[in-house]
């Protein structure tokens, strides 16, 4: 078991939201984090877009039709959802509740508009914004992916300009200038949040009770 394993059954899981402009590397950072921290999972989003080459249903995303997605929106089935470049993405509320009520911490990798919805609905959400080292670095990363047209790159850069302006809405900010360092900073945030009084009170009270019993 990971040295960072957490006895999650003692309390409700923590909800983390990680946002960043497209191309910043937020999904890679969180995927590496999951392998280093116990009792932590990453939510798998639903999307109306077709799977890209190499993507698998139920692994990368839950791929569903636009009609089914819109039906789920109408049924208030999503904790959050957003239209991103013409495709719909959302987090299933029941899936998230299953993890959290079981005492397991959950990370949502979502955009700024989705993060705002989550904060409005879920008190205590911990927000982390991941910044690229600079605009030039992000542009280089987007062009280096070689899967987007010039029009798509420009659209993503324009969106990024608006998204980075929202960094102050989050509890923590990390700059992804070096991948391993960024993962470790995010890991430190998770461990620090797990040590807050609201998470540790029950366990701490039981420890303190042993001192009272010893005096008896």
Protein backbone atom coordinates (compact mmCIF):
# COMPACT_ATOMS: atom_id res chain seq x y z
CA UNK A 1 0.00 0.00 0.00
CA UNK A 2 1.17 3.51 -0.73
CA UNK A 3 2.82 5.35 2.14
CA UNK A 4 0.22 8.03 1.52
CA UNK A 5 -2.73 5.66 2.05
CA UNK A 6 -5.54 7.18 4.07
CA UNK A 7 -8.07 5.55 6.34
CA UNK A 8 -10.93 7.07 4.37
CA UNK A 9 -13.68 5.10 6.12
CA UNK A 10 -13.36 7.46 9.10
CA UNK A 11 -14.82 10.41 7.21
CA UNK A 12 -16.46 11.53 3.98
CA UNK A 13 -14.05 11.83 1.09
CA UNK A 14 -12.53 15.12 0.04
CA UNK A 15 -13.43 16.60 -3.33
CA UNK A 16 -10.60 18.17 -5.32
CA UNK A 17 -11.08 20.16 -8.51
CA UNK A 18 -8.08 20.60 -10.81
CA UNK A 19 -8.36 23.08 -13.69
CA UNK A 20 -5.92 24.37 -16.29
CA UNK A 21 -5.87 25.54 -19.89
CA UNK A 22 -5.85 22.82 -22.53
CA UNK A 23 -2.26 21.69 -23.10
CA UNK A 24 -1.00 22.47 -19.60
CA UNK A 25 -0.69 18.78 -18.70
CA UNK A 26 -3.27 18.63 -15.90
CA UNK A 27 -4.51 15.13 -16.75
CA UNK A 28 -0.97 13.71 -16.85
CA UNK A 29 -0.21 15.35 -13.50
CA UNK A 30 -3.32 13.90 -11.85
CA UNK A 31 -2.79 10.43 -13.35
CA UNK A 32 0.70 10.33 -11.82
CA UNK A 33 -0.66 11.61 -8.53
CA UNK A 34 -3.20 8.77 -8.35
CA UNK A 35 -0.36 6.21 -8.45
CA UNK A 36 1.39 7.89 -5.52
CA UNK A 37 -1.44 8.59 -3.12
CA UNK A 38 -3.69 5.92 -1.65
CA UNK A 39 -7.48 6.17 -1.40
CA UNK A 40 -7.59 8.74 -4.18
CA UNK A 41 -9.30 8.38 -7.54
CA UNK A 42 -9.89 10.51 -10.63
CA UNK A 43 -13.42 10.94 -11.88
CA UNK A 44 -14.13 9.72 -15.41
CA UNK A 45 -16.15 12.29 -17.32
CA UNK A 46 -19.02 11.67 -19.69
CA UNK A 47 -18.74 13.26 -23.12
CA UNK A 48 -20.77 13.56 -26.30
CA UNK A 49 -17.72 13.73 -28.55
CA UNK A 50 -16.52 10.68 -30.52
CA UNK A 51 -13.57 8.73 -29.14
CA UNK A 52 -10.20 9.69 -30.61
CA UNK A 53 -7.74 7.06 -31.87
CA UNK A 54 -6.31 5.21 -28.88
CA UNK A 55 -9.14 6.19 -26.51
CA UNK A 56 -11.36 3.53 -24.93
CA UNK A 57 -14.89 3.84 -23.61
CA UNK A 58 -14.97 3.51 -19.83
CA UNK A 59 -11.24 4.16 -19.58
CA UNK A 60 -10.56 7.64 -20.94
CA UNK A 61 -14.16 8.85 -20.93
CA UNK A 62 -17.69 7.50 -20.87
CA UNK A 63 -18.63 8.15 -24.50
CA UNK A 64 -22.36 8.67 -25.01
CA UNK A 65 -24.57 10.22 -27.66
CA UNK A 66 -25.43 13.91 -27.51
CA UNK A 67 -29.10 12.97 -27.12
CA UNK A 68 -28.35 10.82 -24.07
CA UNK A 69 -26.13 13.53 -22.61
CA UNK A 70 -28.86 16.13 -23.00
CA UNK A 71 -31.32 13.70 -21.40
CA UNK A 72 -29.00 13.36 -18.39
CA UNK A 73 -28.76 17.15 -18.17
CA UNK A 74 -32.56 17.32 -18.10
CA UNK A 75 -32.63 14.74 -15.31
CA UNK A 76 -30.10 16.77 -13.27
CA UNK A 77 -27.75 13.78 -13.37
CA UNK A 78 -24.56 15.83 -13.59
CA UNK A 79 -22.66 17.41 -10.72
CA UNK A 80 -21.30 19.75 -13.39
CA UNK A 81 -21.31 19.91 -17.15
CA UNK A 82 -19.99 22.22 -19.84
CA UNK A 83 -19.91 22.81 -23.56
CA UNK A 84 -16.25 22.79 -24.62
CA UNK A 85 -15.54 23.63 -28.25
CA UNK A 86 -18.94 22.27 -29.26
CA UNK A 87 -18.68 19.01 -27.31
CA UNK A 88 -20.43 18.29 -24.02
CA UNK A 89 -18.53 17.07 -20.95
CA UNK A 90 -19.90 16.29 -17.50
CA UNK A 91 -19.35 14.58 -14.16
CA UNK A 92 -22.05 12.16 -13.06
CA UNK A 93 -23.35 13.16 -9.62
CA UNK A 94 -24.10 9.56 -8.57
CA UNK A 95 -20.60 8.39 -9.50
CA UNK A 96 -19.02 11.17 -7.45
CA UNK A 97 -21.30 10.58 -4.46
CA UNK A 98 -20.46 6.86 -4.45
CA UNK A 99 -16.76 7.62 -4.08
CA UNK A 100 -17.14 10.40 -1.51
CA UNK A 101 -19.68 8.64 0.71
CA UNK A 102 -17.32 5.65 0.82
CA UNK A 103 -14.61 7.85 2.30
CA UNK A 104 -12.52 7.95 -0.86
CA UNK A 105 -11.04 11.24 -2.02
CA UNK A 106 -11.94 12.25 -5.57
CA UNK A 107 -10.25 14.49 -8.13
CA UNK A 108 -12.25 16.16 -10.90
CA UNK A 109 -10.16 17.35 -13.85
CA UNK A 110 -12.51 19.95 -15.28
CA UNK A 111 -12.51 23.42 -16.79
CA UNK A 112 -13.21 26.72 -15.08
CA UNK A 113 -16.93 26.79 -15.83
CA UNK A 114 -17.37 23.27 -14.47
CA UNK A 115 -15.34 24.11 -11.37
CA UNK A 116 -17.63 27.04 -10.61
CA UNK A 117 -20.65 24.75 -10.72
CA UNK A 118 -19.01 22.28 -8.34
CA UNK A 119 -18.04 24.96 -5.82
CA UNK A 120 -21.62 26.27 -5.87
CA UNK A 121 -23.03 22.80 -5.15
CA UNK A 122 -20.38 21.24 -2.90
CA UNK A 123 -19.15 23.06 0.20
CA UNK A 124 -15.55 22.32 1.10
CA UNK A 125 -14.39 21.66 -2.45
CA UNK A 126 -10.62 22.14 -2.75
CA UNK A 127 -9.67 23.96 -5.96
CA UNK A 128 -6.26 23.74 -7.62
CA UNK A 129 -5.34 25.72 -10.72
CA UNK A 130 -2.40 24.56 -12.83
CA UNK A 131 -0.66 27.27 -14.86
CA UNK A 132 1.77 26.73 -17.73
CA UNK A 133 5.16 28.46 -17.31
CA UNK A 134 4.13 31.15 -19.83
CA UNK A 135 1.87 31.87 -22.77
CA UNK A 136 4.75 31.01 -25.12
CA UNK A 137 5.30 27.66 -23.40
CA UNK A 138 1.61 26.76 -23.73
CA UNK A 139 1.56 27.75 -27.41
CA UNK A 140 4.61 25.58 -28.02
CA UNK A 141 2.98 22.62 -26.27
CA UNK A 142 -0.23 22.98 -28.26
CA UNK A 143 1.61 23.17 -31.56
CA UNK A 144 3.85 20.28 -30.55
CA UNK A 145 0.87 17.97 -30.11
CA UNK A 146 0.44 18.10 -33.92
CA UNK A 147 -3.14 16.88 -33.68
CA UNK A 148 -4.88 20.25 -33.87
CA UNK A 149 -5.39 22.53 -36.85
CA UNK A 150 -4.14 26.11 -36.72
CA UNK A 151 -7.71 27.24 -36.16
CA UNK A 152 -8.05 24.86 -33.20
CA UNK A 153 -4.76 26.03 -31.69
CA UNK A 154 -5.83 29.67 -31.91
CA UNK A 155 -9.20 28.83 -30.36
CA UNK A 156 -7.54 27.01 -27.46
CA UNK A 157 -5.13 29.90 -26.88
CA UNK A 158 -7.98 32.40 -26.83
CA UNK A 159 -9.82 30.23 -24.29
CA UNK A 160 -6.63 29.92 -22.23
CA UNK A 161 -6.34 33.71 -21.95
CA UNK A 162 -9.78 33.81 -20.31
CA UNK A 163 -9.19 30.76 -18.12
CA UNK A 164 -5.89 31.86 -16.56
CA UNK A 165 -7.57 35.06 -15.39
CA UNK A 166 -9.69 32.87 -13.05
CA UNK A 167 -6.72 31.47 -11.08
CA UNK A 168 -7.60 33.58 -8.02
CA UNK A 169 -10.90 31.70 -7.66
CA UNK A 170 -8.94 28.61 -6.54
CA UNK A 171 -7.43 27.65 -3.19
CA UNK A 172 -4.05 26.65 -4.62
CA UNK A 173 -2.02 27.52 -7.72
CA UNK A 174 0.74 25.35 -9.21
CA UNK A 175 2.99 26.17 -12.18
CA UNK A 176 3.72 23.13 -14.32
CA UNK A 177 7.25 24.08 -15.30
CA UNK A 178 8.58 20.60 -14.52
CA UNK A 179 6.29 17.56 -14.44
CA UNK A 180 7.68 15.68 -11.42
CA UNK A 181 7.87 18.82 -9.30
CA UNK A 182 4.29 19.67 -10.24
CA UNK A 183 3.06 16.21 -9.22
CA UNK A 184 4.84 16.50 -5.88
CA UNK A 185 3.30 19.92 -5.21
CA UNK A 186 -0.16 18.51 -5.88
CA UNK A 187 0.58 15.52 -3.66
CA UNK A 188 1.59 17.90 -0.84
CA UNK A 189 -1.74 19.72 -1.21
CA UNK A 190 -3.72 16.48 -0.90
CA UNK A 191 -1.79 15.39 2.19
CA UNK A 192 -2.15 18.82 3.81
CA UNK A 193 -5.92 18.86 3.23
CA UNK A 194 -6.19 15.40 4.80
CA UNK A 195 -4.59 16.75 7.98
CA UNK A 196 -7.09 19.58 8.46
CA UNK A 197 -9.15 19.45 11.64
CA UNK A 198 -12.38 18.68 9.80
CA UNK A 199 -10.78 15.49 8.48
CA UNK A 200 -8.82 14.48 11.57
CA UNK A 201 -11.18 15.42 14.39
CA UNK A 202 -12.75 11.99 14.88
CA UNK A 203 -9.43 10.20 14.92
CA UNK A 204 -7.82 12.84 17.14
CA UNK A 205 -10.67 12.60 19.67
CA UNK A 206 -10.19 8.84 19.92
CA UNK A 207 -6.47 9.31 20.54
CA UNK A 208 -7.15 11.92 23.22
CA UNK A 209 -9.69 9.58 24.84
CA UNK A 210 -6.94 7.01 25.43
CA UNK A 211 -5.14 9.56 27.62
CA UNK A 212 -8.28 10.10 29.70
CA UNK A 213 -8.72 6.35 30.06
CA UNK A 214 -5.12 5.97 31.19
CA UNK A 215 -5.72 8.50 33.98
CA UNK A 216 -8.67 6.48 35.20
